[in-house]
């Protein structure tokens, strides 16, 4: 059965794609969850138009994110935290703490874009990737400074 995808479906395609799938997969999974509709002339034309609009939005977003990337790439941001003996942190430095440090410099950034890997639990400098958009991944340096 030919279907037009309404939303991105993992391992199948992006919104607006016209795909040939098994009848049962379409009837029992894609269509009830409103992930796809049966392909006909009207749906196909609407999907092509929708895909063009989505591509334009994506290009615009990538351009904006590249501008943001150039403003933060390689910069060092300082996060002050309380420490105990031997510079041991009370808790850990989270993505929210780093996002606040970046916000204090005048750049608005969503904490979910930061890729910490594992929690920061010590004083020092750490390189962190910021996944802004597809193909736009600047790196920042976070300097964790202890205060008594």
C-alpha atoms as a PDB file:
ATOM      1  CA  UNK A   1       0.000   0.000   0.000  1.00  0.00           C
ATOM      2  CA  UNK A   2       1.270   3.488  -0.822  1.00  0.00           C
ATOM      3  CA  UNK A   3       1.125   5.961   2.033  1.00  0.00           C
ATOM      4  CA  UNK A   4       2.099   9.584   2.549  1.00  0.00           C
ATOM      5  CA  UNK A   5       3.982  10.102   5.816  1.00  0.00           C
ATOM      6  CA  UNK A   6       2.547  12.877   7.992  1.00  0.00           C
ATOM      7  CA  UNK A   7       5.382  12.770  10.544  1.00  0.00           C
ATOM      8  CA  UNK A   8       8.955  11.490  10.580  1.00  0.00           C
ATOM      9  CA  UNK A   9       8.972   7.722  11.138  1.00  0.00           C
ATOM     10  CA  UNK A  10      12.180   6.056  12.286  1.00  0.00           C
ATOM     11  CA  UNK A  11      13.653   3.657   9.699  1.00  0.00           C
ATOM     12  CA  UNK A  12      10.943   4.568   7.167  1.00  0.00           C
ATOM     13  CA  UNK A  13      11.163   8.212   6.123  1.00  0.00           C
ATOM     14  CA  UNK A  14      10.472  11.867   6.763  1.00  0.00           C
ATOM     15  CA  UNK A  15       7.199  13.754   6.744  1.00  0.00           C
ATOM     16  CA  UNK A  16       5.958  14.247   3.214  1.00  0.00           C
ATOM     17  CA  UNK A  17       7.595  11.130   1.758  1.00  0.00           C
ATOM     18  CA  UNK A  18       5.494   8.739  -0.289  1.00  0.00           C
ATOM     19  CA  UNK A  19       6.388   5.163   0.673  1.00  0.00           C
ATOM     20  CA  UNK A  20       5.273   1.673  -0.257  1.00  0.00           C
ATOM     21  CA  UNK A  21       4.625  -0.338   2.927  1.00  0.00           C
ATOM     22  CA  UNK A  22       2.917  -3.589   3.854  1.00  0.00           C
ATOM     23  CA  UNK A  23      -0.880  -3.343   4.064  1.00  0.00           C
ATOM     24  CA  UNK A  24      -0.986  -4.515   7.678  1.00  0.00           C
ATOM     25  CA  UNK A  25       1.732  -2.068   8.768  1.00  0.00           C
ATOM     26  CA  UNK A  26      -0.227   0.798   7.245  1.00  0.00           C
ATOM     27  CA  UNK A  27      -3.675  -0.259   8.531  1.00  0.00           C
ATOM     28  CA  UNK A  28      -2.608  -1.341  12.022  1.00  0.00           C
ATOM     29  CA  UNK A  29       0.214   1.037  12.892  1.00  0.00           C
ATOM     30  CA  UNK A  30       0.760   4.065  10.654  1.00  0.00           C
ATOM     31  CA  UNK A  31      -2.786   5.200   9.896  1.00  0.00           C
ATOM     32  CA  UNK A  32      -4.306   4.756  13.415  1.00  0.00           C
ATOM     33  CA  UNK A  33      -1.434   6.716  14.956  1.00  0.00           C
ATOM     34  CA  UNK A  34      -1.858   9.429  12.304  1.00  0.00           C
ATOM     35  CA  UNK A  35       1.713   8.935  11.139  1.00  0.00           C
ATOM     36  CA  UNK A  36       0.539   8.413   7.554  1.00  0.00           C
ATOM     37  CA  UNK A  37      -2.461   8.600   5.241  1.00  0.00           C
ATOM     38  CA  UNK A  38      -3.329   6.479   2.220  1.00  0.00           C
ATOM     39  CA  UNK A  39      -1.693   7.939  -0.900  1.00  0.00           C
ATOM     40  CA  UNK A  40      -4.013   9.396  -3.538  1.00  0.00           C
ATOM     41  CA  UNK A  41      -3.618  12.332  -5.927  1.00  0.00           C
ATOM     42  CA  UNK A  42      -4.757  14.984  -3.438  1.00  0.00           C
ATOM     43  CA  UNK A  43      -2.721  13.656  -0.533  1.00  0.00           C
ATOM     44  CA  UNK A  44       0.377  13.253  -2.697  1.00  0.00           C
ATOM     45  CA  UNK A  45       0.233  16.840  -3.975  1.00  0.00           C
ATOM     46  CA  UNK A  46      -0.360  18.152  -0.451  1.00  0.00           C
ATOM     47  CA  UNK A  47       2.550  16.074   0.830  1.00  0.00           C
ATOM     48  CA  UNK A  48       4.924  17.435  -1.808  1.00  0.00           C
ATOM     49  CA  UNK A  49       3.906  20.979  -0.883  1.00  0.00           C
ATOM     50  CA  UNK A  50       4.278  20.193   2.826  1.00  0.00           C
ATOM     51  CA  UNK A  51       7.746  18.741   2.227  1.00  0.00           C
ATOM     52  CA  UNK A  52       8.856  21.880   0.368  1.00  0.00           C
ATOM     53  CA  UNK A  53       7.663  24.058   3.251  1.00  0.00           C
ATOM     54  CA  UNK A  54       9.425  21.825   5.796  1.00  0.00           C
ATOM     55  CA  UNK A  55      12.660  22.001   3.791  1.00  0.00           C
ATOM     56  CA  UNK A  56      12.480  25.795   3.685  1.00  0.00           C
ATOM     57  CA  UNK A  57      11.892  25.939   7.453  1.00  0.00           C
ATOM     58  CA  UNK A  58      14.784  23.549   8.051  1.00  0.00           C
ATOM     59  CA  UNK A  59      17.142  25.627   5.867  1.00  0.00           C
ATOM     60  CA  UNK A  60      16.145  28.815   7.682  1.00  0.00           C
ATOM     61  CA  UNK A  61      16.639  27.173  11.099  1.00  0.00           C
ATOM     62  CA  UNK A  62      20.064  25.817  10.093  1.00  0.00           C
ATOM     63  CA  UNK A  63      21.120  29.292   8.939  1.00  0.00           C
ATOM     64  CA  UNK A  64      20.053  30.847  12.260  1.00  0.00           C
ATOM     65  CA  UNK A  65      21.814  28.076  14.193  1.00  0.00           C
ATOM     66  CA  UNK A  66      25.030  28.562  12.185  1.00  0.00           C
ATOM     67  CA  UNK A  67      25.007  32.223  13.215  1.00  0.00           C
ATOM     68  CA  UNK A  68      24.505  31.210  16.848  1.00  0.00           C
ATOM     69  CA  UNK A  69      27.216  28.579  16.488  1.00  0.00           C
ATOM     70  CA  UNK A  70      29.761  31.119  15.306  1.00  0.00           C
ATOM     71  CA  UNK A  71      29.018  33.281  18.354  1.00  0.00           C
ATOM     72  CA  UNK A  72      29.567  30.507  20.941  1.00  0.00           C
ATOM     73  CA  UNK A  73      32.061  28.131  19.282  1.00  0.00           C
ATOM     74  CA  UNK A  74      35.254  27.754  21.323  1.00  0.00           C
ATOM     75  CA  UNK A  75      34.230  30.211  24.037  1.00  0.00           C
ATOM     76  CA  UNK A  76      34.823  29.486  27.700  1.00  0.00           C
ATOM     77  CA  UNK A  77      31.994  29.771  30.208  1.00  0.00           C
ATOM     78  CA  UNK A  78      32.590  29.774  33.957  1.00  0.00           C
ATOM     79  CA  UNK A  79      30.338  27.969  36.411  1.00  0.00           C
ATOM     80  CA  UNK A  80      30.860  28.638  40.130  1.00  0.00           C
ATOM     81  CA  UNK A  81      29.900  25.864  42.521  1.00  0.00           C
ATOM     82  CA  UNK A  82      30.323  25.157  46.203  1.00  0.00           C
ATOM     83  CA  UNK A  83      33.088  22.720  47.058  1.00  0.00           C
ATOM     84  CA  UNK A  84      34.216  20.899  50.148  1.00  0.00           C
ATOM     85  CA  UNK A  85      37.537  19.354  51.083  1.00  0.00           C
ATOM     86  CA  UNK A  86      39.920  18.470  48.243  1.00  0.00           C
ATOM     87  CA  UNK A  87      37.820  20.492  45.774  1.00  0.00           C
ATOM     88  CA  UNK A  88      35.005  17.936  45.885  1.00  0.00           C
ATOM     89  CA  UNK A  89      31.697  19.286  44.551  1.00  0.00           C
ATOM     90  CA  UNK A  90      28.450  19.169  46.475  1.00  0.00           C
ATOM     91  CA  UNK A  91      26.297  17.491  43.818  1.00  0.00           C
ATOM     92  CA  UNK A  92      27.207  17.985  40.165  1.00  0.00           C
ATOM     93  CA  UNK A  93      27.142  20.582  37.423  1.00  0.00           C
ATOM     94  CA  UNK A  94      24.076  20.048  35.233  1.00  0.00           C
ATOM     95  CA  UNK A  95      23.123  21.194  31.754  1.00  0.00           C
ATOM     96  CA  UNK A  96      20.811  23.726  33.402  1.00  0.00           C
ATOM     97  CA  UNK A  97      23.756  25.295  35.294  1.00  0.00           C
ATOM     98  CA  UNK A  98      25.735  25.591  32.069  1.00  0.00           C
ATOM     99  CA  UNK A  99      22.753  27.053  30.180  1.00  0.00           C
ATOM    100  CA  UNK A 100      22.395  29.707  32.911  1.00  0.00           C
ATOM    101  CA  UNK A 101      26.098  30.576  32.624  1.00  0.00           C
ATOM    102  CA  UNK A 102      25.695  30.982  28.867  1.00  0.00           C
ATOM    103  CA  UNK A 103      22.515  33.039  29.354  1.00  0.00           C
ATOM    104  CA  UNK A 104      24.431  35.423  31.640  1.00  0.00           C
ATOM    105  CA  UNK A 105      26.640  36.313  28.649  1.00  0.00           C
ATOM    106  CA  UNK A 106      23.569  37.288  26.621  1.00  0.00           C
ATOM    107  CA  UNK A 107      23.075  34.138  24.523  1.00  0.00           C
ATOM    108  CA  UNK A 108      19.809  32.218  24.910  1.00  0.00           C
ATOM    109  CA  UNK A 109      20.394  28.446  24.681  1.00  0.00           C
ATOM    110  CA  UNK A 110      18.168  25.484  25.519  1.00  0.00           C
ATOM    111  CA  UNK A 111      19.704  23.114  28.087  1.00  0.00           C
ATOM    112  CA  UNK A 112      18.589  20.092  26.041  1.00  0.00           C
ATOM    113  CA  UNK A 113      21.021  21.080  23.279  1.00  0.00           C
ATOM    114  CA  UNK A 114      24.022  20.468  25.571  1.00  0.00           C
ATOM    115  CA  UNK A 115      25.645  17.023  25.428  1.00  0.00           C
ATOM    116  CA  UNK A 116      27.336  16.409  28.760  1.00  0.00           C
ATOM    117  CA  UNK A 117      27.858  12.674  28.385  1.00  0.00           C
ATOM    118  CA  UNK A 118      28.253  12.113  32.095  1.00  0.00           C
ATOM    119  CA  UNK A 119      27.688  14.476  35.029  1.00  0.00           C
ATOM    120  CA  UNK A 120      30.463  16.916  35.910  1.00  0.00           C
ATOM    121  CA  UNK A 121      31.509  16.196  39.487  1.00  0.00           C
ATOM    122  CA  UNK A 122      34.895  17.856  39.744  1.00  0.00           C
ATOM    123  CA  UNK A 123      36.592  21.208  39.328  1.00  0.00           C
ATOM    124  CA  UNK A 124      38.329  21.842  36.002  1.00  0.00           C
ATOM    125  CA  UNK A 125      37.755  22.537  32.316  1.00  0.00           C
ATOM    126  CA  UNK A 126      35.448  20.393  30.218  1.00  0.00           C
ATOM    127  CA  UNK A 127      34.712  20.437  26.481  1.00  0.00           C
ATOM    128  CA  UNK A 128      31.026  20.105  25.726  1.00  0.00           C
ATOM    129  CA  UNK A 129      29.281  19.680  22.386  1.00  0.00           C
ATOM    130  CA  UNK A 130      26.217  21.797  21.676  1.00  0.00           C
ATOM    131  CA  UNK A 131      23.916  20.098  19.147  1.00  0.00           C
ATOM    132  CA  UNK A 132      22.078  23.084  17.668  1.00  0.00           C
ATOM    133  CA  UNK A 133      20.818  21.599  14.402  1.00  0.00           C
ATOM    134  CA  UNK A 134      21.629  18.829  11.977  1.00  0.00           C
ATOM    135  CA  UNK A 135      25.290  19.305  11.063  1.00  0.00           C
ATOM    136  CA  UNK A 136      25.754  22.316  13.375  1.00  0.00           C
ATOM    137  CA  UNK A 137      27.655  21.136  16.466  1.00  0.00           C
ATOM    138  CA  UNK A 138      29.932  23.773  18.038  1.00  0.00           C
ATOM    139  CA  UNK A 139      32.091  22.981  21.049  1.00  0.00           C
ATOM    140  CA  UNK A 140      32.300  25.122  24.157  1.00  0.00           C
ATOM    141  CA  UNK A 141      34.573  24.962  27.172  1.00  0.00           C
ATOM    142  CA  UNK A 142      33.031  24.942  30.631  1.00  0.00           C
ATOM    143  CA  UNK A 143      35.334  25.967  33.441  1.00  0.00           C
ATOM    144  CA  UNK A 144      34.062  24.714  36.790  1.00  0.00           C
ATOM    145  CA  UNK A 145      35.414  26.913  39.589  1.00  0.00           C
ATOM    146  CA  UNK A 146      34.996  26.069  43.242  1.00  0.00           C
ATOM    147  CA  UNK A 147      34.081  28.499  45.960  1.00  0.00           C
ATOM    148  CA  UNK A 148      34.023  27.747  49.661  1.00  0.00           C
END
